[in-house]
Amino acid sequence: MNGKLYLIPTPIAEGSFGHFFPAFNAEIINQIDYYIVEELRTARRFLRYAGIQKRIDELQFFELNEHTQGVELNEYLQPCLEGYNVGLMSEAGVPCVADPGNLAVAKAHQLGIEVVPLIGPSSLILALMGSGLNGQNFTFHGYLPVEQYDREKKLKYLESIVIKTGQTQIFIETPYRNRRMAASICSVCQPATRLCIAAGLTSENALLKTQSVSKWNKYFEDEHNLLDKRPCIFLIGR
C-alpha cells in the first residue's frame, strides 16, 4: 500500500503558532520521515518550532525548486511507493500556490499517490477575504514585469479586465520593488479603481487596507515607509 503525500502549510509571519497550525497537523508531521522542501534551513527551523518529536537529524530532506528534474521527483516520491508518508512544504504559507511544489504534486498524481492538503494560512486568500473586492471572480498573476514600461502596460490591461468583468486582479511583489509597483498603479490606474495592499498578515503589524487609487496617492505622501522591507500582495478591483 502506497504512502501519502501531505501538503503542510508553514507560517507566513511571526505570530501565535496555535492560530494557524492545527493539532492534527502536528500529529501528521510526527508520522513522516521524508520531506520535500524548498529550503532546508527553513524547513528544519519550522519543524522544531512545530514541536516535532522525531530527531531532525533522523529525517531525510529533498530540496525542490524550479530547476528540479523529473527524475529527481521520482526519487523524492519513491518512499511513498514503498509505503511511507512524505511531507511537502514551501517557504511560507500553503504549498503549490506561488510555489514550485506543484511539480511534486503533479508527479504524485501520475504515480497514483494520494495527495492530502492540510489546513493552514494562505496569504493570497487571506488578502482577498479582507479586501472587500470580488471574491467570486478573481485571477492571480504572480509577479508582474520588472521594467516600468512593461509593468505599466500590464497594469492597464489588468485594469481593463476589472472594468469589463469586475474580476479582481491579484499580484505580488518583492520588498525592494514595492514602492515602484505602488507608484505605477497610482500613475496608470483610474482614480476610482480600488486598490488593496496586504502585508504581514497574521502578524501583529499586519497591513490590510483597501481604498481608491486617488486616496492611495495621498496616503503614500504621508506614509513613505509603508511598503518597506516586506513582501506585499496587491489587489485591484471595483
C-alpha atoms as a PDB file:
ATOM      1  CA  MET A   1       0.000   0.000   0.000  1.00  0.00           C
ATOM      2  CA  ASN A   2       1.363   3.403  -1.004  1.00  0.00           C
ATOM      3  CA  GLY A   3       2.095   6.151   1.490  1.00  0.00           C
ATOM      4  CA  LYS A   4       0.537   9.601   1.121  1.00  0.00           C
ATOM      5  CA  LEU A   5       1.925  12.979   0.101  1.00  0.00           C
ATOM      6  CA  TYR A   6       0.918  15.532   2.741  1.00  0.00           C
ATOM      7  CA  LEU A   7       0.936  19.229   1.809  1.00  0.00           C
ATOM      8  CA  ILE A   8       1.962  21.005   5.009  1.00  0.00           C
ATOM      9  CA  PRO A   9       1.364  24.773   5.425  1.00  0.00           C
ATOM     10  CA  THR A  10       4.032  26.847   7.171  1.00  0.00           C
ATOM     11  CA  PRO A  11       3.903  30.308   8.836  1.00  0.00           C
ATOM     12  CA  ILE A  12       3.536  33.418   6.702  1.00  0.00           C
ATOM     13  CA  ALA A  13       4.566  35.750   9.538  1.00  0.00           C
ATOM     14  CA  GLU A  14       5.685  35.744  13.140  1.00  0.00           C
ATOM     15  CA  GLY A  15       2.757  35.092  15.435  1.00  0.00           C
ATOM     16  CA  SER A  16       0.994  32.665  17.712  1.00  0.00           C
ATOM     17  CA  PHE A  17       1.727  29.182  16.391  1.00  0.00           C
ATOM     18  CA  GLY A  18      -1.581  27.760  17.572  1.00  0.00           C
ATOM     19  CA  HIS A  19      -3.509  30.253  15.453  1.00  0.00           C
ATOM     20  CA  PHE A  20      -2.502  28.674  12.157  1.00  0.00           C
ATOM     21  CA  PHE A  21      -1.188  25.159  12.878  1.00  0.00           C
ATOM     22  CA  PRO A  22      -3.972  22.769  13.954  1.00  0.00           C
ATOM     23  CA  ALA A  23      -3.196  19.949  16.364  1.00  0.00           C
ATOM     24  CA  PHE A  24      -3.983  17.463  13.590  1.00  0.00           C
ATOM     25  CA  ASN A  25      -1.104  18.862  11.525  1.00  0.00           C
ATOM     26  CA  ALA A  26       1.241  18.312  14.470  1.00  0.00           C
ATOM     27  CA  GLU A  27       0.133  14.687  14.617  1.00  0.00           C
ATOM     28  CA  ILE A  28       0.844  14.263  10.908  1.00  0.00           C
ATOM     29  CA  ILE A  29       4.408  15.618  10.984  1.00  0.00           C
ATOM     30  CA  ASN A  30       5.258  13.071  13.652  1.00  0.00           C
ATOM     31  CA  GLN A  31       4.275  10.309  11.232  1.00  0.00           C
ATOM     32  CA  ILE A  32       6.639  11.483   8.491  1.00  0.00           C
ATOM     33  CA  ASP A  33      10.326  10.720   7.964  1.00  0.00           C
ATOM     34  CA  TYR A  34      10.710  12.181   4.449  1.00  0.00           C
ATOM     35  CA  TYR A  35      10.202  15.801   3.449  1.00  0.00           C
ATOM     36  CA  ILE A  36      10.268  17.640   0.126  1.00  0.00           C
ATOM     37  CA  VAL A  37      11.190  21.252   0.893  1.00  0.00           C
ATOM     38  CA  GLU A  38      12.076  24.475  -0.877  1.00  0.00           C
ATOM     39  CA  GLU A  39      14.864  25.430   1.535  1.00  0.00           C
ATOM     40  CA  LEU A  40      16.452  23.035   4.007  1.00  0.00           C
ATOM     41  CA  ARG A  41      17.265  25.521   6.776  1.00  0.00           C
ATOM     42  CA  THR A  42      13.741  26.978   6.822  1.00  0.00           C
ATOM     43  CA  ALA A  43      12.184  23.512   6.890  1.00  0.00           C
ATOM     44  CA  ARG A  44      14.314  22.353   9.824  1.00  0.00           C
ATOM     45  CA  ARG A  45      13.527  25.522  11.789  1.00  0.00           C
ATOM     46  CA  PHE A  46       9.804  25.142  11.152  1.00  0.00           C
ATOM     47  CA  LEU A  47       9.713  21.513  12.286  1.00  0.00           C
ATOM     48  CA  ARG A  48      11.493  22.409  15.526  1.00  0.00           C
ATOM     49  CA  TYR A  49       9.057  25.285  16.063  1.00  0.00           C
ATOM     50  CA  ALA A  50       6.150  22.910  15.385  1.00  0.00           C
ATOM     51  CA  GLY A  51       7.382  20.663  18.194  1.00  0.00           C
ATOM     52  CA  ILE A  52       8.215  17.599  16.140  1.00  0.00           C
ATOM     53  CA  GLN A  53       9.076  14.685  18.422  1.00  0.00           C
ATOM     54  CA  LYS A  54      11.400  12.956  15.975  1.00  0.00           C
ATOM     55  CA  ARG A  55      15.067  13.926  15.862  1.00  0.00           C
ATOM     56  CA  ILE A  56      15.662  16.287  12.943  1.00  0.00           C
ATOM     57  CA  ASP A  57      18.905  14.508  12.039  1.00  0.00           C
ATOM     58  CA  GLU A  58      16.967  11.272  11.512  1.00  0.00           C
ATOM     59  CA  LEU A  59      14.727  12.822   8.871  1.00  0.00           C
ATOM     60  CA  GLN A  60      15.515  12.842   5.156  1.00  0.00           C
ATOM     61  CA  PHE A  61      15.033  16.034   3.153  1.00  0.00           C
ATOM     62  CA  PHE A  62      14.787  16.521  -0.612  1.00  0.00           C
ATOM     63  CA  GLU A  63      15.163  20.060  -1.978  1.00  0.00           C
ATOM     64  CA  LEU A  64      12.677  21.168  -4.629  1.00  0.00           C
ATOM     65  CA  ASN A  65      12.888  24.280  -6.770  1.00  0.00           C
ATOM     66  CA  GLU A  66      12.128  25.394 -10.322  1.00  0.00           C
ATOM     67  CA  HIS A  67      15.242  23.574 -11.559  1.00  0.00           C
ATOM     68  CA  THR A  68      14.286  20.161 -10.163  1.00  0.00           C
ATOM     69  CA  GLN A  69      14.144  17.479 -12.855  1.00  0.00           C
ATOM     70  CA  GLY A  70      11.515  14.774 -13.342  1.00  0.00           C
ATOM     71  CA  VAL A  71      13.979  12.026 -12.479  1.00  0.00           C
ATOM     72  CA  GLU A  72      14.622  13.722  -9.136  1.00  0.00           C
ATOM     73  CA  LEU A  73      10.895  13.913  -8.421  1.00  0.00           C
ATOM     74  CA  ASN A  74      10.638  10.169  -8.965  1.00  0.00           C
ATOM     75  CA  GLU A  75      13.366   9.718  -6.355  1.00  0.00           C
ATOM     76  CA  TYR A  76      11.704  12.125  -3.930  1.00  0.00           C
ATOM     77  CA  LEU A  77       8.400  10.234  -4.113  1.00  0.00           C
ATOM     78  CA  GLN A  78       9.893   6.747  -4.025  1.00  0.00           C
ATOM     79  CA  PRO A  79       9.263   6.464  -0.246  1.00  0.00           C
ATOM     80  CA  CYS A  80       5.516   6.802  -0.952  1.00  0.00           C
ATOM     81  CA  LEU A  81       5.706   3.854  -3.336  1.00  0.00           C
ATOM     82  CA  GLU A  82       7.393   1.897  -0.551  1.00  0.00           C
ATOM     83  CA  GLY A  83       4.588   2.644   1.910  1.00  0.00           C
ATOM     84  CA  TYR A  84       5.985   5.702   3.713  1.00  0.00           C
ATOM     85  CA  ASN A  85       4.316   9.101   4.020  1.00  0.00           C
ATOM     86  CA  VAL A  86       6.102  12.159   2.579  1.00  0.00           C
ATOM     87  CA  GLY A  87       5.581  15.789   3.595  1.00  0.00           C
ATOM     88  CA  LEU A  88       5.768  18.730   1.170  1.00  0.00           C
ATOM     89  CA  MET A  89       6.456  22.237   2.498  1.00  0.00           C
ATOM     90  CA  SER A  90       7.005  25.624   0.881  1.00  0.00           C
ATOM     91  CA  GLU A  91       8.968  28.571   2.257  1.00  0.00           C
ATOM     92  CA  ALA A  92       5.808  30.201   3.611  1.00  0.00           C
ATOM     93  CA  GLY A  93       2.090  29.550   3.541  1.00  0.00           C
ATOM     94  CA  VAL A  94       0.410  26.745   1.656  1.00  0.00           C
ATOM     95  CA  PRO A  95       2.444  24.597  -0.761  1.00  0.00           C
ATOM     96  CA  CYS A  96       1.959  24.805  -4.527  1.00  0.00           C
ATOM     97  CA  VAL A  97       0.492  28.328  -4.644  1.00  0.00           C
ATOM     98  CA  ALA A  98       3.154  30.718  -6.000  1.00  0.00           C
ATOM     99  CA  ASP A  99       5.480  27.838  -5.183  1.00  0.00           C
ATOM    100  CA  PRO A 100       7.197  25.048  -7.196  1.00  0.00           C
ATOM    101  CA  GLY A 101       5.605  22.321  -5.064  1.00  0.00           C
ATOM    102  CA  ASN A 102       3.006  21.715  -7.764  1.00  0.00           C
ATOM    103  CA  LEU A 103       5.696  19.795  -9.692  1.00  0.00           C
ATOM    104  CA  ALA A 104       5.842  17.168  -6.952  1.00  0.00           C
ATOM    105  CA  VAL A 105       2.053  17.040  -6.653  1.00  0.00           C
ATOM    106  CA  ALA A 106       1.635  16.551 -10.401  1.00  0.00           C
ATOM    107  CA  LYS A 107       4.147  13.700 -10.318  1.00  0.00           C
ATOM    108  CA  ALA A 108       2.352  12.149  -7.327  1.00  0.00           C
ATOM    109  CA  HIS A 109      -0.901  12.064  -9.285  1.00  0.00           C
ATOM    110  CA  GLN A 110       0.896  10.415 -12.204  1.00  0.00           C
ATOM    111  CA  LEU A 111       2.251   7.736  -9.862  1.00  0.00           C
ATOM    112  CA  GLY A 112      -1.117   7.079  -8.229  1.00  0.00           C
ATOM    113  CA  ILE A 113      -0.058   8.536  -4.848  1.00  0.00           C
ATOM    114  CA  GLU A 114      -2.811  10.045  -2.695  1.00  0.00           C
ATOM    115  CA  VAL A 115      -2.331  13.787  -2.113  1.00  0.00           C
ATOM    116  CA  VAL A 116      -3.596  15.242   1.180  1.00  0.00           C
ATOM    117  CA  PRO A 117      -3.680  19.070   1.553  1.00  0.00           C
ATOM    118  CA  LEU A 118      -3.659  20.189   5.198  1.00  0.00           C
ATOM    119  CA  ILE A 119      -5.325  23.291   6.602  1.00  0.00           C
ATOM    120  CA  GLY A 120      -3.164  26.377   7.024  1.00  0.00           C
ATOM    121  CA  PRO A 121      -2.649  30.052   6.137  1.00  0.00           C
ATOM    122  CA  SER A 122      -2.635  31.334   2.557  1.00  0.00           C
ATOM    123  CA  SER A 123      -1.635  34.989   2.311  1.00  0.00           C
ATOM    124  CA  LEU A 124      -3.394  35.328  -1.057  1.00  0.00           C
ATOM    125  CA  ILE A 125      -6.725  34.032   0.197  1.00  0.00           C
ATOM    126  CA  LEU A 126      -6.486  35.987   3.456  1.00  0.00           C
ATOM    127  CA  ALA A 127      -5.808  39.170   1.471  1.00  0.00           C
ATOM    128  CA  LEU A 128      -8.755  38.513  -0.847  1.00  0.00           C
ATOM    129  CA  MET A 129     -11.022  37.729   2.105  1.00  0.00           C
ATOM    130  CA  GLY A 130     -10.158  41.014   3.793  1.00  0.00           C
ATOM    131  CA  SER A 131     -10.079  43.217   0.695  1.00  0.00           C
ATOM    132  CA  GLY A 132     -13.791  43.738   0.116  1.00  0.00           C
ATOM    133  CA  LEU A 133     -13.179  43.094  -3.582  1.00  0.00           C
ATOM    134  CA  ASN A 134     -14.900  40.489  -5.758  1.00  0.00           C
ATOM    135  CA  GLY A 135     -14.217  37.052  -4.267  1.00  0.00           C
ATOM    136  CA  GLN A 136     -16.462  35.242  -6.750  1.00  0.00           C
ATOM    137  CA  ASN A 137     -14.286  36.011  -9.745  1.00  0.00           C
ATOM    138  CA  PHE A 138     -10.545  36.656  -9.407  1.00  0.00           C
ATOM    139  CA  THR A 139      -7.196  35.868 -11.022  1.00  0.00           C
ATOM    140  CA  PHE A 140      -3.720  35.560  -9.519  1.00  0.00           C
ATOM    141  CA  HIS A 141      -0.862  36.662 -11.781  1.00  0.00           C
ATOM    142  CA  GLY A 142       2.234  36.088  -9.646  1.00  0.00           C
ATOM    143  CA  TYR A 143       4.848  38.764 -10.376  1.00  0.00           C
ATOM    144  CA  LEU A 144       4.275  41.472 -12.974  1.00  0.00           C
ATOM    145  CA  PRO A 145       7.069  42.614 -15.341  1.00  0.00           C
ATOM    146  CA  VAL A 146      10.071  44.318 -13.745  1.00  0.00           C
ATOM    147  CA  GLU A 147      10.615  47.005 -16.378  1.00  0.00           C
ATOM    148  CA  GLN A 148       8.458  50.087 -15.826  1.00  0.00           C
ATOM    149  CA  TYR A 149       7.037  50.296 -19.366  1.00  0.00           C
ATOM    150  CA  ASP A 150       6.073  46.611 -19.430  1.00  0.00           C
ATOM    151  CA  ARG A 151       4.751  46.724 -15.865  1.00  0.00           C
ATOM    152  CA  GLU A 152       2.518  49.701 -16.531  1.00  0.00           C
ATOM    153  CA  LYS A 153       1.297  48.241 -19.803  1.00  0.00           C
ATOM    154  CA  LYS A 154       0.322  45.082 -17.908  1.00  0.00           C
ATOM    155  CA  LEU A 155      -1.402  47.110 -15.188  1.00  0.00           C
ATOM    156  CA  LYS A 156      -3.509  48.948 -17.780  1.00  0.00           C
ATOM    157  CA  TYR A 157      -4.518  45.607 -19.264  1.00  0.00           C
ATOM    158  CA  LEU A 158      -5.442  44.167 -15.864  1.00  0.00           C
ATOM    159  CA  GLU A 159      -7.478  47.251 -15.031  1.00  0.00           C
ATOM    160  CA  SER A 160      -9.341  46.903 -18.324  1.00  0.00           C
ATOM    161  CA  ILE A 161     -10.383  43.406 -17.224  1.00  0.00           C
ATOM    162  CA  VAL A 162     -11.587  44.812 -13.900  1.00  0.00           C
ATOM    163  CA  ILE A 163     -13.665  47.450 -15.690  1.00  0.00           C
ATOM    164  CA  LYS A 164     -15.094  44.990 -18.222  1.00  0.00           C
ATOM    165  CA  THR A 165     -15.807  41.991 -15.991  1.00  0.00           C
ATOM    166  CA  GLY A 166     -15.464  43.062 -12.355  1.00  0.00           C
ATOM    167  CA  GLN A 167     -12.844  40.347 -11.887  1.00  0.00           C
ATOM    168  CA  THR A 168     -10.373  41.051  -9.065  1.00  0.00           C
ATOM    169  CA  GLN A 169      -6.736  41.033 -10.190  1.00  0.00           C
ATOM    170  CA  ILE A 170      -4.144  39.804  -7.674  1.00  0.00           C
ATOM    171  CA  PHE A 171      -0.355  40.013  -7.936  1.00  0.00           C
ATOM    172  CA  ILE A 172       2.663  40.057  -5.639  1.00  0.00           C
ATOM    173  CA  GLU A 173       5.943  41.923  -5.398  1.00  0.00           C
ATOM    174  CA  THR A 174       9.269  41.692  -3.624  1.00  0.00           C
ATOM    175  CA  PRO A 175      10.041  44.238  -0.864  1.00  0.00           C
ATOM    176  CA  TYR A 176      12.607  46.236  -2.816  1.00  0.00           C
ATOM    177  CA  ARG A 177      10.162  46.812  -5.711  1.00  0.00           C
ATOM    178  CA  ASN A 178       7.034  47.596  -3.674  1.00  0.00           C
ATOM    179  CA  ARG A 179       7.331  51.366  -3.969  1.00  0.00           C
ATOM    180  CA  ARG A 180       7.820  51.197  -7.726  1.00  0.00           C
ATOM    181  CA  MET A 181       4.769  48.963  -8.063  1.00  0.00           C
ATOM    182  CA  ALA A 182       2.637  51.302  -5.963  1.00  0.00           C
ATOM    183  CA  ALA A 183       3.852  54.307  -7.970  1.00  0.00           C
ATOM    184  CA  SER A 184       2.981  52.566 -11.237  1.00  0.00           C
ATOM    185  CA  ILE A 185      -0.506  51.670 -10.037  1.00  0.00           C
ATOM    186  CA  CYS A 186      -1.179  55.221  -8.908  1.00  0.00           C
ATOM    187  CA  SER A 187       0.216  56.554 -12.188  1.00  0.00           C
ATOM    188  CA  VAL A 188      -1.711  54.472 -14.713  1.00  0.00           C
ATOM    189  CA  CYS A 189      -4.880  53.236 -12.985  1.00  0.00           C
ATOM    190  CA  GLN A 190      -8.075  55.275 -12.880  1.00  0.00           C
ATOM    191  CA  PRO A 191      -8.705  57.277  -9.679  1.00  0.00           C
ATOM    192  CA  ALA A 192     -11.864  55.276  -8.869  1.00  0.00           C
ATOM    193  CA  THR A 193     -10.198  51.876  -9.193  1.00  0.00           C
ATOM    194  CA  ARG A 194      -9.933  50.250  -5.792  1.00  0.00           C
ATOM    195  CA  LEU A 195      -6.540  49.021  -4.632  1.00  0.00           C
ATOM    196  CA  CYS A 196      -5.940  46.700  -1.683  1.00  0.00           C
ATOM    197  CA  ILE A 197      -2.446  46.277  -0.277  1.00  0.00           C
ATOM    198  CA  ALA A 198      -1.736  43.466   2.179  1.00  0.00           C
ATOM    199  CA  ALA A 199       1.473  42.581   4.013  1.00  0.00           C
ATOM    200  CA  GLY A 200       2.477  40.728   7.138  1.00  0.00           C
ATOM    201  CA  LEU A 201      -0.904  39.042   7.501  1.00  0.00           C
ATOM    202  CA  THR A 202      -1.322  37.022  10.724  1.00  0.00           C
ATOM    203  CA  SER A 203       1.358  39.192  12.384  1.00  0.00           C
ATOM    204  CA  GLU A 204       0.847  41.971  14.944  1.00  0.00           C
ATOM    205  CA  ASN A 205       1.840  44.675  12.447  1.00  0.00           C
ATOM    206  CA  ALA A 206      -0.247  43.390   9.552  1.00  0.00           C
ATOM    207  CA  LEU A 207      -1.282  45.770   6.793  1.00  0.00           C
ATOM    208  CA  LEU A 208      -4.636  45.211   5.060  1.00  0.00           C
ATOM    209  CA  LYS A 209      -6.152  48.306   3.514  1.00  0.00           C
ATOM    210  CA  THR A 210      -8.462  48.948   0.550  1.00  0.00           C
ATOM    211  CA  GLN A 211      -9.258  52.366  -0.887  1.00  0.00           C
ATOM    212  CA  SER A 212      -9.416  54.153  -4.212  1.00  0.00           C
ATOM    213  CA  VAL A 213      -6.241  54.834  -6.163  1.00  0.00           C
ATOM    214  CA  SER A 214      -6.808  58.569  -5.672  1.00  0.00           C
ATOM    215  CA  LYS A 215      -6.785  58.112  -1.881  1.00  0.00           C
ATOM    216  CA  TRP A 216      -3.691  55.877  -2.023  1.00  0.00           C
ATOM    217  CA  ASN A 217      -1.866  58.709  -3.810  1.00  0.00           C
ATOM    218  CA  LYS A 218      -2.455  60.993  -0.818  1.00  0.00           C
ATOM    219  CA  TYR A 219      -1.746  58.173   1.638  1.00  0.00           C
ATOM    220  CA  PHE A 220       1.697  57.490   0.169  1.00  0.00           C
ATOM    221  CA  GLU A 221       2.592  61.168   0.542  1.00  0.00           C
ATOM    222  CA  ASP A 222       2.257  60.747   4.321  1.00  0.00           C
ATOM    223  CA  GLU A 223       3.418  57.142   4.736  1.00  0.00           C
ATOM    224  CA  HIS A 224       6.725  56.889   2.883  1.00  0.00           C
ATOM    225  CA  ASN A 225       7.848  53.707   4.637  1.00  0.00           C
ATOM    226  CA  LEU A 226       4.561  51.815   4.424  1.00  0.00           C
ATOM    227  CA  LEU A 227       5.791  49.212   1.943  1.00  0.00           C
ATOM    228  CA  ASP A 228       9.402  48.812   3.006  1.00  0.00           C
ATOM    229  CA  LYS A 229      11.074  45.509   3.933  1.00  0.00           C
ATOM    230  CA  ARG A 230       8.179  43.083   3.496  1.00  0.00           C
ATOM    231  CA  PRO A 231       6.577  41.252   0.583  1.00  0.00           C
ATOM    232  CA  CYS A 232       3.258  42.754  -0.461  1.00  0.00           C
ATOM    233  CA  ILE A 233       0.125  41.474  -2.132  1.00  0.00           C
ATOM    234  CA  PHE A 234      -1.662  43.917  -4.428  1.00  0.00           C
ATOM    235  CA  LEU A 235      -5.300  43.539  -5.474  1.00  0.00           C
ATOM    236  CA  ILE A 236      -7.177  45.825  -7.847  1.00  0.00           C
ATOM    237  CA  GLY A 237     -10.918  45.760  -8.390  1.00  0.00           C
ATOM    238  CA  ARG A 238     -14.152  47.707  -8.443  1.00  0.00           C
END
